[in-house]
Amino acid sequence: MSSPTRTDPTMPCQVRAAQLLLLGLALAGLVVILALSDSLTSYGLGDLMAPWILVWVCALLALRYGGSARGGVRITTIVVMVFVVLPSFSKALGAAGPAEFVDAALRIVLGLPVIVLLFLPETTAWFDRAK
């Protein structure tokens, strides 16, 4: 009598890439805020931190990608990242200085691939797999 073999599915590289991009983006946000916080008023710091808080929420969601995450985690990450990336375009185009441009460009350059990766069929299949 043979014992049933259990195969542990491995996370597709598209999901791992999205996870790493989100964690890298969260770290970049921390660096940006620490670098720019000295020259800002409290209002300016709040304006700077608002989109990065959403990025940190997505990074926390990304920590669940390997476990028992379902499609709701994927959809939530996509929606929140859209709310981060779209306003960043107008912020980058109307940037008053290089620091403000780099701040917005980081969210665009690292956030847009996350949205694309989470829409791929392999990613959808990963989040819809049987638990």
C-alpha atoms as a PDB file:
ATOM      1  CA  MET A   1       0.000   0.000   0.000  1.00  0.00           C
ATOM      2  CA  SER A   2       1.570   3.228  -1.095  1.00  0.00           C
ATOM      3  CA  SER A   3       1.105   6.463   0.713  1.00  0.00           C
ATOM      4  CA  PRO A   4      -0.456   9.269  -1.259  1.00  0.00           C
ATOM      5  CA  THR A   5       2.121  11.692  -2.554  1.00  0.00           C
ATOM      6  CA  ARG A   6       1.552  15.294  -1.740  1.00  0.00           C
ATOM      7  CA  THR A   7       3.056  17.788  -4.100  1.00  0.00           C
ATOM      8  CA  ASP A   8       3.611  21.230  -2.708  1.00  0.00           C
ATOM      9  CA  PRO A   9       2.994  23.694  -5.483  1.00  0.00           C
ATOM     10  CA  THR A  10       5.757  26.188  -5.931  1.00  0.00           C
ATOM     11  CA  MET A  11       4.991  29.831  -6.382  1.00  0.00           C
ATOM     12  CA  PRO A  12       5.240  30.900 -10.040  1.00  0.00           C
ATOM     13  CA  CYS A  13       8.030  33.326 -10.861  1.00  0.00           C
ATOM     14  CA  GLN A  14       5.460  35.983 -11.864  1.00  0.00           C
ATOM     15  CA  VAL A  15       3.973  35.949  -8.369  1.00  0.00           C
ATOM     16  CA  ARG A  16       7.426  35.951  -6.757  1.00  0.00           C
ATOM     17  CA  ALA A  17       8.450  38.899  -8.967  1.00  0.00           C
ATOM     18  CA  ALA A  18       5.355  40.876  -7.943  1.00  0.00           C
ATOM     19  CA  GLN A  19       6.052  40.051  -4.303  1.00  0.00           C
ATOM     20  CA  LEU A  20       9.678  41.162  -4.540  1.00  0.00           C
ATOM     21  CA  LEU A  21       8.755  44.346  -6.421  1.00  0.00           C
ATOM     22  CA  LEU A  22       6.246  45.266  -3.718  1.00  0.00           C
ATOM     23  CA  LEU A  23       8.735  44.627  -0.931  1.00  0.00           C
ATOM     24  CA  GLY A  24      11.405  46.597  -2.809  1.00  0.00           C
ATOM     25  CA  LEU A  25       8.958  49.440  -3.388  1.00  0.00           C
ATOM     26  CA  ALA A  26       8.094  49.504   0.317  1.00  0.00           C
ATOM     27  CA  LEU A  27      11.780  49.717   1.194  1.00  0.00           C
ATOM     28  CA  ALA A  28      12.295  52.475  -1.404  1.00  0.00           C
ATOM     29  CA  GLY A  29       9.411  54.391   0.163  1.00  0.00           C
ATOM     30  CA  LEU A  30      11.033  54.194   3.557  1.00  0.00           C
ATOM     31  CA  VAL A  31      14.307  55.515   2.116  1.00  0.00           C
ATOM     32  CA  VAL A  32      12.523  58.358   0.268  1.00  0.00           C
ATOM     33  CA  ILE A  33      10.628  59.440   3.365  1.00  0.00           C
ATOM     34  CA  LEU A  34      13.733  59.346   5.551  1.00  0.00           C
ATOM     35  CA  ALA A  35      15.730  61.288   2.952  1.00  0.00           C
ATOM     36  CA  LEU A  36      13.136  64.006   2.394  1.00  0.00           C
ATOM     37  CA  SER A  37      11.572  64.352   5.853  1.00  0.00           C
ATOM     38  CA  ASP A  38      14.063  66.926   7.184  1.00  0.00           C
ATOM     39  CA  SER A  39      13.148  69.593   4.641  1.00  0.00           C
ATOM     40  CA  LEU A  40       9.356  69.238   4.906  1.00  0.00           C
ATOM     41  CA  THR A  41       6.675  70.752   7.089  1.00  0.00           C
ATOM     42  CA  SER A  42       4.189  68.435   8.780  1.00  0.00           C
ATOM     43  CA  TYR A  43       1.716  69.044   5.938  1.00  0.00           C
ATOM     44  CA  GLY A  44       4.391  68.270   3.353  1.00  0.00           C
ATOM     45  CA  LEU A  45       5.394  65.112   5.189  1.00  0.00           C
ATOM     46  CA  GLY A  46       1.770  63.948   5.276  1.00  0.00           C
ATOM     47  CA  ASP A  47       1.450  64.660   1.560  1.00  0.00           C
ATOM     48  CA  LEU A  48       4.614  62.659   0.942  1.00  0.00           C
ATOM     49  CA  MET A  49       3.594  59.724   3.164  1.00  0.00           C
ATOM     50  CA  ALA A  50       0.018  59.233   1.942  1.00  0.00           C
ATOM     51  CA  PRO A  51       0.788  57.155  -1.177  1.00  0.00           C
ATOM     52  CA  TRP A  52       3.581  55.288   0.570  1.00  0.00           C
ATOM     53  CA  ILE A  53       1.200  54.081   3.280  1.00  0.00           C
ATOM     54  CA  LEU A  54      -0.841  52.406   0.537  1.00  0.00           C
ATOM     55  CA  VAL A  55       2.351  50.836  -0.830  1.00  0.00           C
ATOM     56  CA  TRP A  56       3.147  49.466   2.630  1.00  0.00           C
ATOM     57  CA  VAL A  57      -0.347  47.962   2.825  1.00  0.00           C
ATOM     58  CA  CYS A  58       0.314  46.214  -0.499  1.00  0.00           C
ATOM     59  CA  ALA A  59       3.686  44.988   0.789  1.00  0.00           C
ATOM     60  CA  LEU A  60       1.938  43.472   3.812  1.00  0.00           C
ATOM     61  CA  LEU A  61      -0.524  41.781   1.460  1.00  0.00           C
ATOM     62  CA  ALA A  62       2.423  40.479  -0.582  1.00  0.00           C
ATOM     63  CA  LEU A  63       3.720  38.658   2.461  1.00  0.00           C
ATOM     64  CA  ARG A  64       0.636  36.412   2.236  1.00  0.00           C
ATOM     65  CA  TYR A  65       1.152  35.411  -1.422  1.00  0.00           C
ATOM     66  CA  GLY A  66       2.907  32.163  -0.551  1.00  0.00           C
ATOM     67  CA  GLY A  67       0.439  30.988   2.054  1.00  0.00           C
ATOM     68  CA  SER A  68      -3.276  30.548   1.821  1.00  0.00           C
ATOM     69  CA  ALA A  69      -3.937  33.757  -0.120  1.00  0.00           C
ATOM     70  CA  ARG A  70      -6.914  33.716  -2.456  1.00  0.00           C
ATOM     71  CA  GLY A  71      -8.007  35.903  -5.331  1.00  0.00           C
ATOM     72  CA  GLY A  72      -9.259  38.590  -2.975  1.00  0.00           C
ATOM     73  CA  VAL A  73      -5.704  39.364  -1.874  1.00  0.00           C
ATOM     74  CA  ARG A  74      -4.639  39.665  -5.527  1.00  0.00           C
ATOM     75  CA  ILE A  75      -7.581  41.922  -6.447  1.00  0.00           C
ATOM     76  CA  THR A  76      -7.086  44.082  -3.348  1.00  0.00           C
ATOM     77  CA  THR A  77      -3.413  44.531  -4.211  1.00  0.00           C
ATOM     78  CA  ILE A  78      -4.287  45.489  -7.795  1.00  0.00           C
ATOM     79  CA  VAL A  79      -6.920  48.048  -6.736  1.00  0.00           C
ATOM     80  CA  VAL A  80      -4.706  49.662  -4.108  1.00  0.00           C
ATOM     81  CA  MET A  81      -1.743  49.806  -6.516  1.00  0.00           C
ATOM     82  CA  VAL A  82      -3.925  51.496  -9.137  1.00  0.00           C
ATOM     83  CA  PHE A  83      -4.741  54.128  -6.492  1.00  0.00           C
ATOM     84  CA  VAL A  84      -0.997  54.554  -5.960  1.00  0.00           C
ATOM     85  CA  VAL A  85       0.171  54.583  -9.597  1.00  0.00           C
ATOM     86  CA  LEU A  86      -2.462  56.753 -11.315  1.00  0.00           C
ATOM     87  CA  PRO A  87      -2.035  59.856  -9.115  1.00  0.00           C
ATOM     88  CA  SER A  88       1.736  59.408  -9.357  1.00  0.00           C
ATOM     89  CA  PHE A  89       1.588  60.227 -13.083  1.00  0.00           C
ATOM     90  CA  SER A  90       0.130  63.679 -12.432  1.00  0.00           C
ATOM     91  CA  LYS A  91       2.547  64.195  -9.550  1.00  0.00           C
ATOM     92  CA  ALA A  92       5.520  63.308 -11.767  1.00  0.00           C
ATOM     93  CA  LEU A  93       4.357  65.567 -14.597  1.00  0.00           C
ATOM     94  CA  GLY A  94       3.768  68.513 -12.241  1.00  0.00           C
ATOM     95  CA  ALA A  95       6.836  67.955 -10.078  1.00  0.00           C
ATOM     96  CA  ALA A  96       8.257  71.114  -8.530  1.00  0.00           C
ATOM     97  CA  GLY A  97      11.712  69.632  -8.084  1.00  0.00           C
ATOM     98  CA  PRO A  98      13.830  66.570  -8.752  1.00  0.00           C
ATOM     99  CA  ALA A  99      13.048  64.980  -5.385  1.00  0.00           C
ATOM    100  CA  GLU A 100       9.313  65.145  -6.021  1.00  0.00           C
ATOM    101  CA  PHE A 101       9.798  63.699  -9.511  1.00  0.00           C
ATOM    102  CA  VAL A 102      11.917  60.788  -8.263  1.00  0.00           C
ATOM    103  CA  ASP A 103       9.381  60.101  -5.525  1.00  0.00           C
ATOM    104  CA  ALA A 104       6.539  59.767  -8.040  1.00  0.00           C
ATOM    105  CA  ALA A 105       8.676  58.003 -10.658  1.00  0.00           C
ATOM    106  CA  LEU A 106       9.633  55.264  -8.182  1.00  0.00           C
ATOM    107  CA  ARG A 107       5.981  54.476  -7.564  1.00  0.00           C
ATOM    108  CA  ILE A 108       5.309  54.365 -11.315  1.00  0.00           C
ATOM    109  CA  VAL A 109       8.379  52.363 -12.355  1.00  0.00           C
ATOM    110  CA  LEU A 110       8.005  49.735  -9.632  1.00  0.00           C
ATOM    111  CA  GLY A 111       4.214  49.797  -9.229  1.00  0.00           C
ATOM    112  CA  LEU A 112       3.118  49.428 -12.840  1.00  0.00           C
ATOM    113  CA  PRO A 113       4.898  46.076 -13.347  1.00  0.00           C
ATOM    114  CA  VAL A 114       3.233  44.767 -10.168  1.00  0.00           C
ATOM    115  CA  ILE A 115      -0.207  45.510 -11.639  1.00  0.00           C
ATOM    116  CA  VAL A 116       0.729  43.837 -14.926  1.00  0.00           C
ATOM    117  CA  LEU A 117       2.220  40.781 -13.195  1.00  0.00           C
ATOM    118  CA  LEU A 118      -0.882  40.294 -11.055  1.00  0.00           C
ATOM    119  CA  PHE A 119      -3.070  40.178 -14.183  1.00  0.00           C
ATOM    120  CA  LEU A 120      -1.110  37.358 -15.865  1.00  0.00           C
ATOM    121  CA  PRO A 121      -2.839  33.958 -16.242  1.00  0.00           C
ATOM    122  CA  GLU A 122      -0.161  32.167 -14.191  1.00  0.00           C
ATOM    123  CA  THR A 123      -0.730  34.567 -11.325  1.00  0.00           C
ATOM    124  CA  THR A 124      -4.495  34.192 -11.502  1.00  0.00           C
ATOM    125  CA  ALA A 125      -4.102  30.400 -11.492  1.00  0.00           C
ATOM    126  CA  TRP A 126      -1.852  30.602  -8.418  1.00  0.00           C
ATOM    127  CA  PHE A 127      -4.421  32.540  -6.408  1.00  0.00           C
ATOM    128  CA  ASP A 128      -7.313  30.344  -7.651  1.00  0.00           C
ATOM    129  CA  ARG A 129      -5.570  27.041  -6.836  1.00  0.00           C
ATOM    130  CA  ALA A 130      -7.163  24.495  -4.540  1.00  0.00           C
ATOM    131  CA  LYS A 131      -6.040  24.761  -0.944  1.00  0.00           C
END
